[in-house]
């Protein structure tokens, strides 16, 4: 266990080794930075998700089961025409 005499010797040795010192002048003031406003990141993500959902057609290919068919017809197309197209009753003519 070090004694007080050893502590004094080490302190004196340190001061002798370092030599004469002087305080550093600080004549410049560091610039003041304004605090940044917090960004509501979760709210922005929520709004973006809502906008994506509004633009989505909600078609999920993973939800289609094997053998299931997707069918889109424009308004005004007769059901019999659709049925004949699916059965292949119309010949392709060029």
N, C-alpha and C. Protein backbone atom coordinates (compact mmCIF):
# COMPACT_ATOMS: atom_id res chain seq x y z
N UNK A 1 0.85 -1.16 0.00
CA UNK A 1 0.00 0.00 0.00
C UNK A 1 0.90 1.23 0.00
N UNK A 2 0.69 2.18 -0.95
CA UNK A 2 1.57 3.36 -1.01
C UNK A 2 1.32 4.29 0.17
N UNK A 3 2.39 4.89 0.60
CA UNK A 3 2.29 5.85 1.70
C UNK A 3 2.18 7.25 1.14
N UNK A 4 1.90 8.20 2.02
CA UNK A 4 1.78 9.60 1.60
C UNK A 4 3.09 10.12 1.05
N UNK A 5 4.20 9.63 1.60
CA UNK A 5 5.51 10.08 1.15
C UNK A 5 5.75 9.64 -0.30
N UNK A 6 5.32 8.41 -0.65
CA UNK A 6 5.47 7.93 -2.02
C UNK A 6 4.60 8.73 -2.97
N UNK A 7 3.39 9.08 -2.55
CA UNK A 7 2.49 9.88 -3.38
C UNK A 7 3.11 11.24 -3.66
N UNK A 8 3.70 11.85 -2.64
CA UNK A 8 4.34 13.16 -2.82
C UNK A 8 5.53 13.05 -3.76
N UNK A 9 6.31 11.97 -3.63
CA UNK A 9 7.46 11.77 -4.51
C UNK A 9 7.01 11.63 -5.97
N UNK A 10 5.96 10.86 -6.19
CA UNK A 10 5.46 10.67 -7.56
C UNK A 10 4.91 11.98 -8.12
N UNK A 11 4.23 12.74 -7.31
CA UNK A 11 3.69 14.03 -7.75
C UNK A 11 4.82 14.97 -8.11
N UNK A 12 5.84 15.04 -7.28
CA UNK A 12 6.98 15.92 -7.56
C UNK A 12 7.71 15.47 -8.82
N UNK A 13 7.89 14.16 -8.99
CA UNK A 13 8.54 13.63 -10.19
C UNK A 13 7.75 13.99 -11.44
N UNK A 14 6.42 13.86 -11.37
CA UNK A 14 5.56 14.21 -12.51
C UNK A 14 5.71 15.68 -12.85
N UNK A 15 5.64 16.55 -11.87
CA UNK A 15 5.75 18.00 -12.11
C UNK A 15 7.12 18.36 -12.67
N UNK A 16 8.16 17.70 -12.19
CA UNK A 16 9.51 17.98 -12.67
C UNK A 16 9.65 17.52 -14.13
N UNK A 17 9.05 16.38 -14.46
CA UNK A 17 9.13 15.85 -15.82
C UNK A 17 8.33 16.70 -16.80
N UNK A 18 7.16 17.12 -16.42
CA UNK A 18 6.30 17.91 -17.30
C UNK A 18 6.86 19.31 -17.47
N UNK A 19 7.38 19.87 -16.46
CA UNK A 19 7.95 21.21 -16.54
C UNK A 19 6.91 22.27 -16.25
N UNK A 20 7.29 23.49 -16.66
CA UNK A 20 6.40 24.62 -16.40
C UNK A 20 5.23 24.59 -17.38
N UNK A 21 4.08 24.83 -16.89
CA UNK A 21 2.88 24.82 -17.73
C UNK A 21 2.17 26.15 -17.63
N UNK A 22 1.36 26.43 -18.64
CA UNK A 22 0.53 27.63 -18.60
C UNK A 22 -0.84 27.26 -19.16
N UNK A 23 -1.88 27.94 -18.71
CA UNK A 23 -3.21 27.61 -19.21
C UNK A 23 -3.36 27.99 -20.69
N UNK A 24 -4.17 27.23 -21.39
CA UNK A 24 -4.44 27.49 -22.81
C UNK A 24 -5.45 28.63 -22.90
N UNK A 25 -5.13 29.61 -23.77
CA UNK A 25 -6.06 30.72 -23.95
C UNK A 25 -7.19 30.28 -24.88
N UNK A 26 -8.37 30.60 -24.49
CA UNK A 26 -9.56 30.30 -25.28
C UNK A 26 -10.24 31.62 -25.55
N UNK A 27 -9.87 32.26 -26.67
CA UNK A 27 -10.47 33.56 -26.97
C UNK A 27 -11.58 33.46 -28.02
N UNK A 28 -11.88 32.25 -28.43
CA UNK A 28 -12.96 32.07 -29.40
C UNK A 28 -14.14 31.40 -28.72
N UNK A 29 -15.31 31.88 -29.08
CA UNK A 29 -16.53 31.29 -28.53
C UNK A 29 -17.05 30.28 -29.55
N UNK A 30 -17.32 29.08 -29.12
CA UNK A 30 -17.85 28.11 -30.08
C UNK A 30 -19.23 28.56 -30.58
N UNK A 31 -19.52 28.31 -31.87
CA UNK A 31 -20.82 28.76 -32.40
C UNK A 31 -21.98 28.05 -31.72
N UNK A 32 -23.04 28.81 -31.56
CA UNK A 32 -24.24 28.25 -30.94
C UNK A 32 -25.02 27.50 -32.00
N UNK A 33 -25.29 26.27 -31.75
CA UNK A 33 -26.09 25.48 -32.68
C UNK A 33 -27.51 25.39 -32.14
N UNK A 34 -28.42 25.71 -33.02
CA UNK A 34 -29.82 25.59 -32.61
C UNK A 34 -30.19 24.11 -32.62
N UNK A 35 -30.98 23.75 -31.66
CA UNK A 35 -31.43 22.36 -31.56
C UNK A 35 -32.35 22.05 -32.74
N UNK A 36 -32.14 20.90 -33.34
CA UNK A 36 -33.00 20.50 -34.45
C UNK A 36 -34.37 20.10 -33.92
N UNK A 37 -35.37 20.44 -34.70
CA UNK A 37 -36.72 20.06 -34.31
C UNK A 37 -36.88 18.55 -34.48
N UNK A 38 -37.57 17.91 -33.57
CA UNK A 38 -37.75 16.46 -33.71
C UNK A 38 -38.65 16.14 -34.91
N UNK A 39 -38.30 15.08 -35.59
CA UNK A 39 -39.05 14.64 -36.76
C UNK A 39 -39.95 13.47 -36.35
N UNK A 40 -41.25 13.60 -36.56
CA UNK A 40 -42.16 12.51 -36.19
C UNK A 40 -42.09 11.38 -37.23
N UNK A 41 -41.05 10.57 -37.15
CA UNK A 41 -40.80 9.55 -38.17
C UNK A 41 -41.92 8.52 -38.24
N UNK A 42 -42.42 8.07 -37.12
CA UNK A 42 -43.48 7.05 -37.14
C UNK A 42 -44.74 7.61 -37.79
N UNK A 43 -45.06 8.86 -37.50
CA UNK A 43 -46.24 9.49 -38.11
C UNK A 43 -46.06 9.59 -39.62
N UNK A 44 -44.86 9.96 -40.06
CA UNK A 44 -44.60 10.05 -41.49
C UNK A 44 -44.72 8.68 -42.16
N UNK A 45 -44.21 7.64 -41.49
CA UNK A 45 -44.34 6.29 -42.04
C UNK A 45 -45.81 5.86 -42.11
N UNK A 46 -46.58 6.22 -41.08
CA UNK A 46 -48.01 5.89 -41.08
C UNK A 46 -48.73 6.57 -42.24
N UNK A 47 -48.43 7.85 -42.46
CA UNK A 47 -49.06 8.59 -43.55
C UNK A 47 -48.67 7.98 -44.90
N UNK A 48 -47.40 7.60 -45.04
CA UNK A 48 -46.96 6.99 -46.29
C UNK A 48 -47.65 5.65 -46.53
N UNK A 49 -47.81 4.88 -45.48
CA UNK A 49 -48.50 3.59 -45.62
C UNK A 49 -49.96 3.79 -46.01
N UNK A 50 -50.60 4.79 -45.44
CA UNK A 50 -51.99 5.10 -45.79
C UNK A 50 -52.09 5.48 -47.27
N UNK A 51 -51.16 6.33 -47.72
CA UNK A 51 -51.18 6.75 -49.12
C UNK A 51 -50.93 5.55 -50.05
N UNK A 52 -50.02 4.66 -49.66
CA UNK A 52 -49.78 3.47 -50.48
C UNK A 52 -51.01 2.58 -50.52
N UNK A 53 -51.71 2.45 -49.41
CA UNK A 53 -52.92 1.64 -49.38
C UNK A 53 -54.03 2.25 -50.23
N UNK A 54 -54.11 3.57 -50.26
CA UNK A 54 -55.13 4.23 -51.07
C UNK A 54 -54.87 4.02 -52.56
N UNK A 55 -53.60 3.95 -52.94
CA UNK A 55 -53.26 3.77 -54.34
C UNK A 55 -53.21 2.31 -54.76
N UNK A 56 -53.26 1.42 -53.81
CA UNK A 56 -53.16 0.00 -54.11
C UNK A 56 -54.49 -0.55 -54.62
N UNK A 57 -54.39 -1.53 -55.51
CA UNK A 57 -55.61 -2.17 -55.99
C UNK A 57 -55.96 -3.38 -55.13
N UNK A 58 -55.19 -3.61 -54.08
CA UNK A 58 -55.41 -4.67 -53.11
C UNK A 58 -55.36 -6.06 -53.75
N UNK A 59 -54.66 -6.19 -54.87
CA UNK A 59 -54.48 -7.49 -55.51
C UNK A 59 -53.28 -8.16 -54.87
N UNK A 60 -53.47 -9.31 -54.34
CA UNK A 60 -52.42 -10.08 -53.67
C UNK A 60 -52.28 -11.40 -54.40
N UNK A 61 -51.25 -11.58 -55.23
CA UNK A 61 -51.10 -12.85 -55.96
C UNK A 61 -50.98 -14.06 -55.05
N UNK A 62 -50.49 -13.87 -53.84
CA UNK A 62 -50.33 -15.00 -52.92
C UNK A 62 -51.68 -15.55 -52.46
N UNK A 63 -52.73 -14.74 -52.57
CA UNK A 63 -54.05 -15.17 -52.11
C UNK A 63 -54.79 -16.02 -53.15
N UNK A 64 -54.28 -16.07 -54.38
CA UNK A 64 -54.93 -16.86 -55.42
C UNK A 64 -54.56 -18.32 -55.22
N UNK A 65 -55.57 -19.15 -55.19
CA UNK A 65 -55.32 -20.58 -54.98
C UNK A 65 -55.13 -21.28 -56.33
N UNK A 66 -54.56 -22.45 -56.29
CA UNK A 66 -54.31 -23.22 -57.50
C UNK A 66 -55.63 -23.55 -58.19
N UNK A 67 -55.65 -23.31 -59.50
CA UNK A 67 -56.86 -23.59 -60.27
C UNK A 67 -57.85 -22.45 -60.29
N UNK A 68 -57.64 -21.44 -59.50
CA UNK A 68 -58.57 -20.31 -59.45
C UNK A 68 -58.24 -19.36 -60.60
N UNK A 69 -59.26 -18.80 -61.23
CA UNK A 69 -59.07 -17.89 -62.35
C UNK A 69 -59.43 -16.47 -61.95
N UNK A 70 -58.69 -15.53 -62.50
CA UNK A 70 -59.03 -14.12 -62.34
C UNK A 70 -59.72 -13.67 -63.61
N UNK A 71 -60.75 -12.90 -63.46
CA UNK A 71 -61.50 -12.46 -64.62
C UNK A 71 -61.90 -11.01 -64.42
N UNK A 72 -61.56 -10.19 -65.41
CA UNK A 72 -61.97 -8.80 -65.38
C UNK A 72 -62.69 -8.50 -66.68
N UNK A 73 -63.84 -7.92 -66.58
CA UNK A 73 -64.56 -7.51 -67.78
C UNK A 73 -64.96 -6.05 -67.62
N UNK A 74 -64.93 -5.38 -68.73
CA UNK A 74 -65.34 -3.98 -68.66
C UNK A 74 -66.86 -3.92 -68.60
N UNK A 75 -67.38 -2.86 -68.04
CA UNK A 75 -68.84 -2.75 -67.96
C UNK A 75 -69.47 -2.75 -69.36
N UNK A 76 -70.57 -3.43 -69.50
CA UNK A 76 -71.29 -3.47 -70.77
C UNK A 76 -71.01 -4.72 -71.59
N UNK A 77 -70.04 -5.54 -71.20
CA UNK A 77 -69.74 -6.77 -71.92
C UNK A 77 -70.72 -7.85 -71.48
N UNK A 78 -71.32 -8.53 -72.44
CA UNK A 78 -72.35 -9.52 -72.11
C UNK A 78 -71.72 -10.78 -71.51
N UNK A 79 -72.46 -11.41 -70.62
CA UNK A 79 -71.99 -12.63 -69.96
C UNK A 79 -71.85 -13.78 -70.95
N UNK A 80 -72.69 -13.80 -71.96
CA UNK A 80 -72.60 -14.89 -72.94
C UNK A 80 -71.31 -14.78 -73.76
N UNK A 81 -70.89 -13.57 -74.05
CA UNK A 81 -69.64 -13.38 -74.78
C UNK A 81 -68.47 -13.88 -73.94
N UNK A 82 -68.49 -13.57 -72.67
CA UNK A 82 -67.43 -14.03 -71.76
C UNK A 82 -67.41 -15.55 -71.72
N UNK A 83 -68.57 -16.15 -71.61
CA UNK A 83 -68.67 -17.61 -71.53
C UNK A 83 -68.11 -18.25 -72.81
N UNK A 84 -68.46 -17.68 -73.98
CA UNK A 84 -67.98 -18.23 -75.24
C UNK A 84 -66.46 -18.06 -75.39
N UNK A 85 -65.94 -16.94 -74.91
CA UNK A 85 -64.49 -16.72 -74.95
C UNK A 85 -63.76 -17.75 -74.09
N UNK A 86 -64.29 -18.03 -72.91
CA UNK A 86 -63.66 -18.99 -72.01
C UNK A 86 -63.71 -20.41 -72.58
N UNK A 87 -64.76 -20.72 -73.29
CA UNK A 87 -64.91 -22.06 -73.87
C UNK A 87 -64.12 -22.20 -75.18
N UNK A 88 -63.65 -21.07 -75.72
CA UNK A 88 -62.91 -21.12 -76.99
C UNK A 88 -63.81 -21.25 -78.19
N UNK A 89 -65.02 -20.75 -78.12
CA UNK A 89 -65.98 -20.88 -79.21
C UNK A 89 -65.77 -19.83 -80.30
N UNK A 90 -64.93 -18.84 -80.05
CA UNK A 90 -64.64 -17.83 -81.06
C UNK A 90 -63.33 -18.20 -81.75
N UNK A 91 -63.31 -18.13 -83.07
CA UNK A 91 -62.09 -18.41 -83.82
C UNK A 91 -61.30 -17.11 -83.98
N UNK A 92 -59.99 -17.23 -83.92
CA UNK A 92 -59.13 -16.05 -84.08
C UNK A 92 -58.94 -15.82 -85.57
N UNK A 93 -59.28 -14.63 -86.03
CA UNK A 93 -59.14 -14.28 -87.44
C UNK A 93 -58.23 -13.07 -87.53
N UNK A 94 -57.32 -13.14 -88.49
CA UNK A 94 -56.40 -12.01 -88.64
C UNK A 94 -56.66 -11.30 -89.93
